[in-house]
Amino acid sequence: PGELQPRGQDFTTQGYLYRAIEEGIVGLADRTGEDRLFIGPRFHQTDAPHVWPELVPITDVASARRTIERIVEQGEGARGDWETAHYGRFLAVLEEYQELRAADPSFEAAHNTVAAGVRGVEGVEPDVFIKDPVTAAVSDVFNAVYDVLLQMIARYFAFGHETDEQRHILADVGITLMFVAIKPLGLLLARMPVGPDTPEIAAGANFQLAYRASFLLPHRRSAWIRFAERLDEIADATDAIAADVDGAKVLDAVAGNVREASRRLAENIEPV
């Protein structure tokens, strides 16, 4: 008999992982039939207008294989136009870096950052603690935005009784926050000191969550109220940070963007 419990496997590349997934899907379909394998309702799959024009519903082996092929092409560029895949883009960055280092051996492309955190999470402590209070406050804002953003994305994919328009708002607000909050805060943290003893070392963004496991609020209205309230809390905390002139400009913009995200959610919460 086969094994009842799963066990870990090692894969040389992401491509090998997805090929194994593909083989597993084909094998399961052969054993059970496609109608017993693809049992999720088609209308509960993410469709293209909300997120990405190339998304397609996966309803059979053929559509699953096409999707896996696309993932591998865009990730590793193992087949197809590899120069535009993630691998090709990272390779181009490496080659450009090597050219710049050859021209100037003292060239450093990255900020001098260290993996640092404000506090531990569930017994796991960071190797380096952020001691600068302003940096710590910005790091907390970054992670708070990241946390609520993930919760919104989780709700989008969980189909918690949202209408199509409400799902579109969730996706749009979540993706927008990546560009108008996560990105500027991350760039700011890459220039902010870990502490007074090491002013030349920056903290950087650590993407730390307060809980190892995220959660999904079961009721749509309460979830949206919480999203909007949390974003307002984050905006208020951002306003309270006493940063320098350059940092204040970034934080002012982020606070405004976060409040706009809250407004968009709040105006779509139906009254009781």
Protein backbone atom coordinates (compact mmCIF):
# COMPACT_ATOMS: atom_id res chain seq x y z
CA PRO A 1 0.00 0.00 0.00
CA GLY A 2 1.04 3.58 -0.53
CA GLU A 3 2.11 5.88 2.28
CA LEU A 4 -0.72 7.46 4.25
CA GLN A 5 1.20 10.55 5.38
CA PRO A 6 3.20 12.94 3.18
CA ARG A 7 6.94 13.45 3.55
CA GLY A 8 9.32 16.12 2.37
CA GLN A 9 11.07 15.91 -0.97
CA ASP A 10 14.06 17.78 -2.35
CA PHE A 11 14.06 19.30 -5.82
CA THR A 12 17.09 20.66 -7.65
CA THR A 13 15.14 23.53 -9.20
CA GLN A 14 11.68 25.08 -9.08
CA GLY A 15 11.20 23.65 -12.55
CA TYR A 16 11.64 20.10 -11.26
CA LEU A 17 9.11 20.83 -8.52
CA TYR A 18 6.48 21.93 -11.01
CA ARG A 19 7.21 19.00 -13.29
CA ALA A 20 6.57 16.71 -10.33
CA ILE A 21 3.29 18.53 -9.69
CA GLU A 22 2.38 18.07 -13.35
CA GLU A 23 3.14 14.35 -13.20
CA GLY A 24 1.08 14.06 -10.03
CA ILE A 25 -1.93 15.75 -11.63
CA VAL A 26 -1.73 13.52 -14.70
CA GLY A 27 -1.38 10.41 -12.54
CA LEU A 28 -4.30 11.35 -10.30
CA ALA A 29 -6.50 12.11 -13.31
CA ASP A 30 -5.67 8.71 -14.79
CA ARG A 31 -6.60 7.01 -11.51
CA THR A 32 -9.68 8.94 -10.49
CA GLY A 33 -10.90 10.63 -13.65
CA GLU A 34 -10.82 14.37 -14.28
CA ASP A 35 -14.33 14.88 -12.91
CA ARG A 36 -13.21 13.54 -9.51
CA LEU A 37 -9.96 15.51 -9.50
CA PHE A 38 -11.10 18.98 -10.59
CA ILE A 39 -13.97 19.29 -8.13
CA GLY A 40 -13.81 23.01 -7.30
CA PRO A 41 -16.55 25.20 -8.81
CA ARG A 42 -15.36 27.07 -11.89
CA PHE A 43 -16.99 30.33 -10.78
CA HIS A 44 -14.85 30.27 -7.61
CA GLN A 45 -11.61 30.63 -9.54
CA THR A 46 -9.84 33.95 -9.86
CA ASP A 47 -10.54 35.45 -13.24
CA ALA A 48 -8.40 37.68 -15.41
CA PRO A 49 -9.97 41.15 -15.01
CA HIS A 50 -9.17 41.33 -11.30
CA VAL A 51 -5.51 40.44 -11.26
CA TRP A 52 -3.74 39.40 -14.44
CA PRO A 53 -4.95 39.14 -18.06
CA GLU A 54 -3.32 35.74 -18.58
CA LEU A 55 -5.10 33.96 -15.73
CA VAL A 56 -7.29 31.10 -16.92
CA PRO A 57 -9.59 28.75 -14.98
CA ILE A 58 -8.09 25.32 -14.31
CA THR A 59 -10.82 22.79 -14.96
CA ASP A 60 -9.03 19.81 -16.50
CA VAL A 61 -5.59 18.29 -17.10
CA ALA A 62 -5.02 20.31 -20.25
CA SER A 63 -5.60 23.69 -18.57
CA ALA A 64 -3.53 22.59 -15.56
CA ARG A 65 -0.60 21.66 -17.79
CA ARG A 66 -0.82 24.94 -19.70
CA THR A 67 -0.73 26.86 -16.44
CA ILE A 68 2.24 24.90 -15.09
CA GLU A 69 4.07 25.48 -18.36
CA ARG A 70 3.48 29.20 -18.00
CA ILE A 71 4.72 29.21 -14.41
CA VAL A 72 7.93 27.41 -15.38
CA GLU A 73 8.53 29.69 -18.37
CA GLN A 74 8.04 32.86 -16.35
CA GLY A 75 9.99 31.59 -13.36
CA GLU A 76 13.02 29.75 -14.66
CA GLY A 77 12.77 30.34 -18.38
CA ALA A 78 13.39 26.64 -18.92
CA ARG A 79 11.43 26.83 -22.13
CA GLY A 80 10.26 29.66 -24.33
CA ASP A 81 11.45 33.27 -24.03
CA TRP A 82 13.77 32.87 -21.05
CA GLU A 83 15.18 36.40 -21.26
CA THR A 84 11.91 37.85 -19.95
CA ALA A 85 11.53 35.17 -17.27
CA HIS A 86 12.60 35.78 -13.69
CA TYR A 87 15.81 33.87 -14.32
CA GLY A 88 16.63 36.00 -17.36
CA ARG A 89 15.98 39.22 -15.49
CA PHE A 90 18.14 38.24 -12.53
CA LEU A 91 20.86 37.10 -14.92
CA ALA A 92 20.79 40.52 -16.60
CA VAL A 93 21.16 42.21 -13.20
CA LEU A 94 24.12 39.95 -12.36
CA GLU A 95 25.85 40.66 -15.67
CA GLU A 96 25.37 44.40 -15.27
CA TYR A 97 26.74 44.21 -11.72
CA GLN A 98 29.80 42.27 -12.89
CA GLU A 99 30.46 44.86 -15.59
CA LEU A 100 30.25 47.71 -13.09
CA ARG A 101 32.54 45.89 -10.63
CA ALA A 102 35.05 45.26 -13.40
CA ALA A 103 35.08 48.96 -14.23
CA ASP A 104 35.20 50.02 -10.56
CA PRO A 105 36.18 47.33 -7.99
CA SER A 106 34.95 49.56 -5.15
CA PHE A 107 31.42 49.72 -6.54
CA GLU A 108 28.73 48.43 -4.16
CA ALA A 109 25.27 47.97 -5.63
CA ALA A 110 23.31 47.30 -2.45
CA HIS A 111 22.65 49.21 0.73
CA ASN A 112 24.63 48.04 3.74
CA THR A 113 21.74 46.28 5.47
CA VAL A 114 21.42 43.50 8.01
CA ALA A 115 18.55 41.16 8.85
CA ALA A 116 17.16 43.02 11.86
CA GLY A 117 13.87 43.08 13.73
CA VAL A 118 12.11 45.06 16.43
CA ARG A 119 11.01 42.04 18.44
CA GLY A 120 10.78 38.27 18.33
CA VAL A 121 7.78 36.35 17.06
CA GLU A 122 6.50 33.30 18.94
CA GLY A 123 9.83 32.58 20.58
CA VAL A 124 11.98 33.23 17.50
CA GLU A 125 14.27 36.19 18.12
CA PRO A 126 15.99 38.22 15.38
CA ASP A 127 19.76 37.97 15.16
CA VAL A 128 19.97 41.77 15.33
CA PHE A 129 17.52 44.05 17.13
CA ILE A 130 16.60 47.46 15.74
CA LYS A 131 17.55 49.95 18.46
CA ASP A 132 16.89 53.21 16.63
CA PRO A 133 13.34 54.23 17.68
CA VAL A 134 12.47 55.92 14.39
CA THR A 135 13.68 52.96 12.35
CA ALA A 136 11.75 50.63 14.65
CA ALA A 137 8.57 52.64 14.15
CA VAL A 138 8.94 52.61 10.36
CA SER A 139 9.62 48.86 10.44
CA ASP A 140 6.44 48.32 12.44
CA VAL A 141 4.42 50.35 9.94
CA PHE A 142 5.89 48.36 7.05
CA ASN A 143 5.04 45.04 8.66
CA ALA A 144 1.56 46.19 9.69
CA VAL A 145 0.77 47.16 6.09
CA TYR A 146 2.22 43.86 4.90
CA ASP A 147 0.05 41.93 7.35
CA VAL A 148 -3.27 43.57 6.39
CA LEU A 149 -2.34 43.36 2.71
CA LEU A 150 -1.89 39.59 3.02
CA GLN A 151 -5.20 39.30 4.83
CA MET A 152 -6.96 41.13 2.01
CA ILE A 153 -5.34 38.91 -0.61
CA ALA A 154 -6.27 35.81 1.40
CA ARG A 155 -9.86 37.00 1.55
CA TYR A 156 -9.86 37.65 -2.19
CA PHE A 157 -8.88 34.06 -2.91
CA ALA A 158 -11.17 32.63 -0.21
CA PHE A 159 -14.36 33.89 -1.90
CA GLY A 160 -16.00 35.02 1.33
CA HIS A 161 -19.33 36.03 -0.23
CA GLU A 162 -17.97 39.17 -1.88
CA THR A 163 -19.58 40.34 -5.09
CA ASP A 164 -17.45 40.59 -8.22
CA GLU A 165 -17.12 44.33 -7.68
CA GLN A 166 -16.08 43.88 -4.05
CA ARG A 167 -13.50 41.28 -5.04
CA HIS A 168 -12.16 43.71 -7.61
CA ILE A 169 -11.80 46.36 -4.89
CA LEU A 170 -9.96 43.91 -2.61
CA ALA A 171 -7.52 43.01 -5.37
CA ASP A 172 -7.00 46.61 -6.46
CA VAL A 173 -6.47 47.94 -2.94
CA GLY A 174 -4.09 45.12 -2.05
CA ILE A 175 -1.97 45.47 -5.18
CA THR A 176 -1.97 49.27 -4.94
CA LEU A 177 -0.64 49.11 -1.37
CA MET A 178 2.34 47.14 -2.65
CA PHE A 179 3.37 50.11 -4.78
CA VAL A 180 2.29 53.10 -2.66
CA ALA A 181 3.16 51.78 0.81
CA ILE A 182 5.32 48.64 0.80
CA LYS A 183 7.74 49.87 -1.87
CA PRO A 184 8.44 53.38 -0.51
CA LEU A 185 8.68 52.12 3.07
CA GLY A 186 11.06 49.35 2.02
CA LEU A 187 13.30 51.80 0.17
CA LEU A 188 13.24 54.11 3.19
CA LEU A 189 14.20 51.31 5.60
CA ALA A 190 17.14 50.41 3.37
CA ARG A 191 18.62 53.80 4.33
CA MET A 192 17.67 53.90 8.01
CA PRO A 193 20.16 52.90 10.74
CA VAL A 194 19.73 49.82 12.90
CA GLY A 195 20.93 51.74 15.94
CA PRO A 196 23.18 54.50 17.26
CA ASP A 197 26.12 52.14 17.68
CA THR A 198 26.11 51.19 13.99
CA PRO A 199 24.87 54.22 12.02
CA GLU A 200 26.46 52.88 8.84
CA ILE A 201 24.35 49.69 8.87
CA ALA A 202 20.74 49.96 7.68
CA ALA A 203 17.81 47.87 8.86
CA GLY A 204 16.00 47.13 5.63
CA ALA A 205 12.55 45.58 5.43
CA ASN A 206 12.16 42.26 7.23
CA PHE A 207 8.59 41.29 6.20
CA GLN A 208 7.94 40.06 9.73
CA LEU A 209 4.43 39.00 10.70
CA ALA A 210 3.15 39.22 14.25
CA TYR A 211 1.81 35.68 13.89
CA ARG A 212 3.34 32.78 12.01
CA ALA A 213 -0.07 31.73 10.74
CA SER A 214 -2.38 34.26 9.14
CA PHE A 215 -6.10 34.17 9.74
CA LEU A 216 -9.29 34.68 7.77
CA LEU A 217 -12.23 36.48 9.35
CA PRO A 218 -15.34 34.46 8.49
CA HIS A 219 -17.86 37.26 7.89
CA ARG A 220 -17.47 39.70 5.02
CA ARG A 221 -18.79 42.84 6.69
CA SER A 222 -16.73 42.41 9.87
CA ALA A 223 -13.64 41.62 7.80
CA TRP A 224 -13.98 44.79 5.73
CA ILE A 225 -14.62 46.90 8.83
CA ARG A 226 -11.47 45.48 10.40
CA PHE A 227 -9.43 46.09 7.25
CA ALA A 228 -10.51 49.75 7.12
CA GLU A 229 -9.97 50.29 10.86
CA ARG A 230 -6.54 48.70 10.76
CA LEU A 231 -5.46 50.84 7.82
CA ASP A 232 -6.57 53.98 9.69
CA GLU A 233 -4.58 52.82 12.73
CA ILE A 234 -1.53 52.35 10.52
CA ALA A 235 -1.95 55.79 8.96
CA ASP A 236 -2.20 57.41 12.41
CA ALA A 237 0.93 55.56 13.57
CA THR A 238 2.75 56.71 10.43
CA ASP A 239 1.83 60.34 11.13
CA ALA A 240 3.27 60.04 14.65
CA ILE A 241 6.77 59.05 13.50
CA ALA A 242 9.31 61.85 14.04
CA ALA A 243 11.49 61.22 11.00
CA ASP A 244 13.95 63.58 9.33
CA VAL A 245 12.88 65.81 6.44
CA ASP A 246 13.42 63.23 3.69
CA GLY A 247 11.84 60.45 5.70
CA ALA A 248 8.88 62.64 6.64
CA LYS A 249 8.09 63.23 2.96
CA VAL A 250 7.93 59.50 2.34
CA LEU A 251 5.87 58.85 5.46
CA ASP A 252 3.41 61.66 4.71
CA ALA A 253 2.77 60.19 1.27
CA VAL A 254 2.41 56.67 2.68
CA ALA A 255 -0.05 57.82 5.35
CA GLY A 256 -2.20 59.48 2.72
CA ASN A 257 -2.11 56.41 0.51
CA VAL A 258 -3.05 54.11 3.37
CA ARG A 259 -5.97 56.36 4.32
CA GLU A 260 -7.16 56.32 0.72
CA ALA A 261 -7.10 52.51 0.81
CA SER A 262 -9.16 52.59 4.00
CA ARG A 263 -11.65 55.01 2.43
CA ARG A 264 -12.17 52.77 -0.59
CA LEU A 265 -12.93 49.82 1.64
CA ALA A 266 -15.11 51.76 4.09
CA GLU A 267 -17.36 53.25 1.43
CA ASN A 268 -18.20 49.74 0.24
CA ILE A 269 -19.26 48.39 3.63
CA GLU A 270 -23.01 47.99 3.63
CA PRO A 271 -25.01 49.30 6.62
CA VAL A 272 -26.62 46.81 8.97
